[in-house]
Amino acid sequence: MFKGFIGLLVALISTAQVDQYLTHGGYTEAAMAMLRQIKHASVF
């Protein structure tokens, strides 16, 4: 389980770095904005 978590973490960091290189963070910013909206919309 821990190995899978580390693998997922490395994949997310790698994807964010590639996004920064290729699109200057456009997709990362959009994903973060979407997560912020989901957080604000949640009714917990």
N, C-alpha and C. Protein backbone atom coordinates (compact mmCIF):
# COMPACT_ATOMS: atom_id res chain seq x y z
N MET A 1 0.82 -1.19 0.00
CA MET A 1 0.00 0.00 0.00
C MET A 1 0.87 1.25 0.00
N PHE A 2 1.89 1.27 0.84
CA PHE A 2 2.78 2.42 0.90
C PHE A 2 3.51 2.62 -0.42
N LYS A 3 3.91 1.50 -1.05
CA LYS A 3 4.60 1.57 -2.33
C LYS A 3 3.69 2.18 -3.40
N GLY A 4 2.41 1.83 -3.37
CA GLY A 4 1.45 2.40 -4.31
C GLY A 4 1.25 3.88 -4.08
N PHE A 5 1.21 4.29 -2.80
CA PHE A 5 1.06 5.71 -2.48
C PHE A 5 2.26 6.51 -2.97
N ILE A 6 3.45 5.99 -2.77
CA ILE A 6 4.66 6.67 -3.23
C ILE A 6 4.67 6.75 -4.76
N GLY A 7 4.24 5.68 -5.42
CA GLY A 7 4.17 5.68 -6.87
C GLY A 7 3.19 6.73 -7.39
N LEU A 8 2.05 6.84 -6.73
CA LEU A 8 1.06 7.85 -7.11
C LEU A 8 1.61 9.25 -6.89
N LEU A 9 2.27 9.47 -5.78
CA LEU A 9 2.86 10.77 -5.48
C LEU A 9 3.91 11.16 -6.51
N VAL A 10 4.77 10.24 -6.87
CA VAL A 10 5.79 10.50 -7.89
C VAL A 10 5.14 10.80 -9.23
N ALA A 11 4.09 10.07 -9.59
CA ALA A 11 3.41 10.31 -10.86
C ALA A 11 2.76 11.69 -10.88
N LEU A 12 2.13 12.10 -9.78
CA LEU A 12 1.51 13.42 -9.74
C LEU A 12 2.54 14.54 -9.83
N ILE A 13 3.64 14.39 -9.12
CA ILE A 13 4.70 15.40 -9.18
C ILE A 13 5.31 15.46 -10.57
N SER A 14 5.53 14.31 -11.18
CA SER A 14 6.09 14.27 -12.53
C SER A 14 5.15 14.93 -13.52
N THR A 15 3.86 14.64 -13.41
CA THR A 15 2.87 15.23 -14.31
C THR A 15 2.84 16.74 -14.15
N ALA A 16 2.89 17.23 -12.92
CA ALA A 16 2.89 18.67 -12.68
C ALA A 16 4.14 19.32 -13.26
N GLN A 17 5.28 18.66 -13.17
CA GLN A 17 6.52 19.21 -13.71
C GLN A 17 6.47 19.27 -15.24
N VAL A 18 5.94 18.23 -15.86
CA VAL A 18 5.80 18.22 -17.32
C VAL A 18 4.84 19.32 -17.76
N ASP A 19 3.76 19.50 -17.00
CA ASP A 19 2.80 20.56 -17.31
C ASP A 19 3.46 21.94 -17.22
N GLN A 20 4.28 22.15 -16.19
CA GLN A 20 4.99 23.42 -16.05
C GLN A 20 5.90 23.65 -17.25
N TYR A 21 6.55 22.62 -17.72
CA TYR A 21 7.49 22.73 -18.83
C TYR A 21 6.77 22.98 -20.16
N LEU A 22 5.69 22.24 -20.41
CA LEU A 22 5.03 22.30 -21.72
C LEU A 22 4.00 23.42 -21.84
N THR A 23 3.21 23.66 -20.81
CA THR A 23 2.12 24.62 -20.93
C THR A 23 2.18 25.73 -19.88
N HIS A 24 3.33 25.87 -19.25
CA HIS A 24 3.52 26.90 -18.21
C HIS A 24 2.49 26.79 -17.10
N GLY A 25 2.10 25.56 -16.78
CA GLY A 25 1.22 25.31 -15.64
C GLY A 25 -0.26 25.52 -15.89
N GLY A 26 -0.68 25.61 -17.13
CA GLY A 26 -2.09 25.86 -17.43
C GLY A 26 -3.02 24.78 -16.92
N TYR A 27 -2.66 23.53 -17.14
CA TYR A 27 -3.53 22.43 -16.70
C TYR A 27 -3.49 22.27 -15.19
N THR A 28 -2.33 22.48 -14.59
CA THR A 28 -2.22 22.38 -13.14
C THR A 28 -3.07 23.45 -12.46
N GLU A 29 -3.02 24.66 -12.97
CA GLU A 29 -3.82 25.75 -12.40
C GLU A 29 -5.32 25.45 -12.54
N ALA A 30 -5.72 24.92 -13.69
CA ALA A 30 -7.14 24.59 -13.90
C ALA A 30 -7.59 23.49 -12.94
N ALA A 31 -6.75 22.49 -12.74
CA ALA A 31 -7.09 21.41 -11.82
C ALA A 31 -7.19 21.92 -10.38
N MET A 32 -6.28 22.80 -9.99
CA MET A 32 -6.34 23.35 -8.64
C MET A 32 -7.57 24.22 -8.45
N ALA A 33 -7.94 25.00 -9.48
CA ALA A 33 -9.15 25.82 -9.39
C ALA A 33 -10.39 24.95 -9.25
N MET A 34 -10.42 23.84 -9.98
CA MET A 34 -11.55 22.92 -9.89
C MET A 34 -11.63 22.31 -8.49
N LEU A 35 -10.49 21.91 -7.93
CA LEU A 35 -10.50 21.34 -6.59
C LEU A 35 -10.94 22.37 -5.55
N ARG A 36 -10.55 23.64 -5.71
CA ARG A 36 -11.00 24.69 -4.79
C ARG A 36 -12.50 24.85 -4.86
N GLN A 37 -13.07 24.80 -6.07
CA GLN A 37 -14.52 24.94 -6.23
C GLN A 37 -15.25 23.76 -5.60
N ILE A 38 -14.70 22.56 -5.76
CA ILE A 38 -15.31 21.38 -5.14
C ILE A 38 -15.27 21.52 -3.62
N LYS A 39 -14.14 22.01 -3.10
CA LYS A 39 -14.01 22.19 -1.65
C LYS A 39 -15.03 23.19 -1.13
N HIS A 40 -15.22 24.29 -1.85
CA HIS A 40 -16.18 25.30 -1.41
C HIS A 40 -17.63 24.81 -1.54
N ALA A 41 -17.88 23.94 -2.48
CA ALA A 41 -19.24 23.46 -2.72
C ALA A 41 -19.63 22.30 -1.79
N SER A 42 -18.64 21.68 -1.18
CA SER A 42 -18.96 20.53 -0.34
C SER A 42 -19.70 20.97 0.91
N VAL A 43 -20.64 20.14 1.33
CA VAL A 43 -21.47 20.46 2.48
C VAL A 43 -21.17 19.47 3.59
N PHE A 44 -20.07 19.66 4.27
CA PHE A 44 -19.68 18.76 5.35
C PHE A 44 -19.95 19.39 6.67
